[in-house]
């Protein structure tokens, strides 16, 4: 199986083309997975810091 040769998900899905929506989806999944692993839900501060990091990584 070969990965990375098709259309990127961001181009395939219209709602993922919007940076703000995509970042919120990523943040939601990270928080959900963290809770499943037994970590507490994000605070407003944690959510803000994570979102800032997501935006930094997206600029690369």
N, C-alpha and C. Protein backbone atom coordinates (compact mmCIF):
# COMPACT_ATOMS: atom_id res chain seq x y z
N UNK A 1 0.85 -1.18 0.00
CA UNK A 1 0.00 0.00 0.00
C UNK A 1 0.89 1.24 0.00
N UNK A 2 0.58 2.17 -0.86
CA UNK A 2 1.36 3.39 -0.97
C UNK A 2 0.55 4.56 -0.40
N UNK A 3 1.19 5.34 0.46
CA UNK A 3 0.54 6.50 1.04
C UNK A 3 1.15 7.77 0.45
N UNK A 4 0.34 8.82 0.38
CA UNK A 4 0.85 10.11 -0.04
C UNK A 4 0.85 10.35 -1.54
N UNK A 5 0.19 9.49 -2.31
CA UNK A 5 0.21 9.68 -3.76
C UNK A 5 -1.12 10.20 -4.30
N UNK A 6 -2.13 10.30 -3.45
CA UNK A 6 -3.44 10.76 -3.90
C UNK A 6 -3.65 12.23 -3.63
N UNK A 7 -4.89 12.65 -3.75
CA UNK A 7 -5.27 14.03 -3.48
C UNK A 7 -5.19 14.26 -1.96
N UNK A 8 -4.54 15.33 -1.51
CA UNK A 8 -4.51 15.61 -0.07
C UNK A 8 -5.93 15.81 0.46
N UNK A 9 -6.16 15.34 1.67
CA UNK A 9 -7.48 15.44 2.28
C UNK A 9 -7.97 16.88 2.31
N UNK A 10 -7.06 17.81 2.54
CA UNK A 10 -7.42 19.22 2.59
C UNK A 10 -8.01 19.68 1.25
N UNK A 11 -7.51 19.20 0.15
CA UNK A 11 -8.04 19.57 -1.16
C UNK A 11 -9.32 18.82 -1.48
N UNK A 12 -9.42 17.60 -1.00
CA UNK A 12 -10.59 16.77 -1.27
C UNK A 12 -11.83 17.26 -0.54
N UNK A 13 -11.67 17.67 0.70
CA UNK A 13 -12.80 18.07 1.54
C UNK A 13 -12.90 19.60 1.59
N UNK A 14 -14.02 20.13 1.14
CA UNK A 14 -14.18 21.59 1.07
C UNK A 14 -14.11 22.26 2.43
N UNK A 15 -14.67 21.65 3.48
CA UNK A 15 -14.65 22.33 4.78
C UNK A 15 -13.27 22.29 5.43
N UNK A 16 -12.39 21.41 4.99
CA UNK A 16 -11.03 21.38 5.53
C UNK A 16 -10.12 22.42 4.87
N UNK A 17 -10.59 23.05 3.82
CA UNK A 17 -9.81 24.11 3.16
C UNK A 17 -9.79 25.38 4.00
N UNK A 18 -10.77 25.54 4.86
CA UNK A 18 -10.86 26.70 5.74
C UNK A 18 -9.94 26.45 6.93
N UNK A 19 -8.89 27.27 7.06
CA UNK A 19 -7.90 27.07 8.12
C UNK A 19 -8.53 27.05 9.51
N UNK A 20 -9.41 27.99 9.80
CA UNK A 20 -10.00 28.09 11.14
C UNK A 20 -10.82 26.84 11.46
N UNK A 21 -11.60 26.37 10.52
CA UNK A 21 -12.41 25.17 10.73
C UNK A 21 -11.51 23.95 10.92
N UNK A 22 -10.51 23.81 10.08
CA UNK A 22 -9.58 22.69 10.16
C UNK A 22 -8.85 22.68 11.50
N UNK A 23 -8.40 23.84 11.95
CA UNK A 23 -7.69 23.92 13.23
C UNK A 23 -8.61 23.54 14.40
N UNK A 24 -9.87 23.96 14.35
CA UNK A 24 -10.81 23.60 15.40
C UNK A 24 -11.09 22.09 15.41
N UNK A 25 -11.17 21.49 14.24
CA UNK A 25 -11.37 20.04 14.15
C UNK A 25 -10.18 19.31 14.75
N UNK A 26 -8.97 19.75 14.42
CA UNK A 26 -7.76 19.14 14.98
C UNK A 26 -7.76 19.28 16.49
N UNK A 27 -8.05 20.47 16.98
CA UNK A 27 -8.05 20.73 18.42
C UNK A 27 -9.08 19.85 19.13
N UNK A 28 -10.25 19.72 18.54
CA UNK A 28 -11.31 18.87 19.11
C UNK A 28 -10.86 17.42 19.21
N UNK A 29 -10.23 16.91 18.16
CA UNK A 29 -9.77 15.51 18.16
C UNK A 29 -8.66 15.28 19.17
N UNK A 30 -7.75 16.25 19.28
CA UNK A 30 -6.66 16.13 20.26
C UNK A 30 -7.24 16.08 21.67
N UNK A 31 -8.18 16.97 21.96
CA UNK A 31 -8.78 16.98 23.29
C UNK A 31 -9.53 15.68 23.56
N UNK A 32 -10.29 15.23 22.59
CA UNK A 32 -11.07 14.00 22.75
C UNK A 32 -10.15 12.80 23.01
N UNK A 33 -9.08 12.70 22.24
CA UNK A 33 -8.14 11.60 22.43
C UNK A 33 -7.44 11.69 23.77
N UNK A 34 -7.13 12.90 24.21
CA UNK A 34 -6.50 13.09 25.52
C UNK A 34 -7.41 12.62 26.65
N UNK A 35 -8.69 12.96 26.54
CA UNK A 35 -9.67 12.55 27.55
C UNK A 35 -9.79 11.03 27.57
N UNK A 36 -9.80 10.42 26.41
CA UNK A 36 -9.86 8.95 26.33
C UNK A 36 -8.66 8.34 27.04
N UNK A 37 -7.51 8.99 26.94
CA UNK A 37 -6.29 8.49 27.59
C UNK A 37 -6.26 8.81 29.09
N UNK A 38 -7.28 9.50 29.59
CA UNK A 38 -7.36 9.76 31.02
C UNK A 38 -6.92 11.14 31.46
N UNK A 39 -6.60 12.01 30.51
CA UNK A 39 -6.20 13.38 30.85
C UNK A 39 -7.44 14.25 31.02
N UNK A 40 -7.34 15.34 31.78
CA UNK A 40 -8.50 16.22 31.95
C UNK A 40 -8.80 17.00 30.67
N UNK A 41 -10.02 17.47 30.57
CA UNK A 41 -10.41 18.32 29.43
C UNK A 41 -9.56 19.58 29.43
N UNK A 42 -9.44 20.20 28.27
CA UNK A 42 -8.66 21.42 28.14
C UNK A 42 -9.33 22.56 28.89
N UNK A 43 -8.52 23.40 29.48
CA UNK A 43 -9.02 24.66 30.04
C UNK A 43 -9.02 25.67 28.89
N UNK A 44 -9.57 26.83 29.12
CA UNK A 44 -9.55 27.87 28.08
C UNK A 44 -8.11 28.23 27.72
N UNK A 45 -7.24 28.26 28.73
CA UNK A 45 -5.83 28.59 28.51
C UNK A 45 -5.14 27.51 27.68
N UNK A 46 -5.38 26.26 28.04
CA UNK A 46 -4.77 25.15 27.31
C UNK A 46 -5.24 25.13 25.87
N UNK A 47 -6.54 25.33 25.67
CA UNK A 47 -7.11 25.34 24.32
C UNK A 47 -6.46 26.46 23.48
N UNK A 48 -6.30 27.63 24.08
CA UNK A 48 -5.70 28.78 23.38
C UNK A 48 -4.25 28.47 23.01
N UNK A 49 -3.49 27.92 23.96
CA UNK A 49 -2.09 27.59 23.70
C UNK A 49 -1.95 26.53 22.62
N UNK A 50 -2.78 25.51 22.66
CA UNK A 50 -2.74 24.45 21.64
C UNK A 50 -3.08 25.02 20.26
N UNK A 51 -4.09 25.87 20.21
CA UNK A 51 -4.48 26.48 18.94
C UNK A 51 -3.35 27.33 18.37
N UNK A 52 -2.65 28.06 19.22
CA UNK A 52 -1.51 28.86 18.76
C UNK A 52 -0.42 27.96 18.18
N UNK A 53 -0.17 26.82 18.82
CA UNK A 53 0.84 25.87 18.32
C UNK A 53 0.41 25.27 16.98
N UNK A 54 -0.85 24.94 16.84
CA UNK A 54 -1.38 24.40 15.59
C UNK A 54 -1.15 25.42 14.47
N UNK A 55 -1.44 26.68 14.76
CA UNK A 55 -1.27 27.74 13.76
C UNK A 55 0.20 27.90 13.37
N UNK A 56 1.10 27.80 14.36
CA UNK A 56 2.53 27.91 14.07
C UNK A 56 2.98 26.78 13.14
N UNK A 57 2.56 25.58 13.44
CA UNK A 57 2.95 24.41 12.63
C UNK A 57 2.36 24.53 11.22
N UNK A 58 1.15 25.06 11.11
CA UNK A 58 0.50 25.19 9.81
C UNK A 58 1.22 26.17 8.90
N UNK A 59 1.93 27.13 9.47
CA UNK A 59 2.63 28.14 8.67
C UNK A 59 3.88 27.59 8.00
N UNK A 60 4.40 26.48 8.51
CA UNK A 60 5.64 25.92 7.96
C UNK A 60 5.49 25.41 6.58
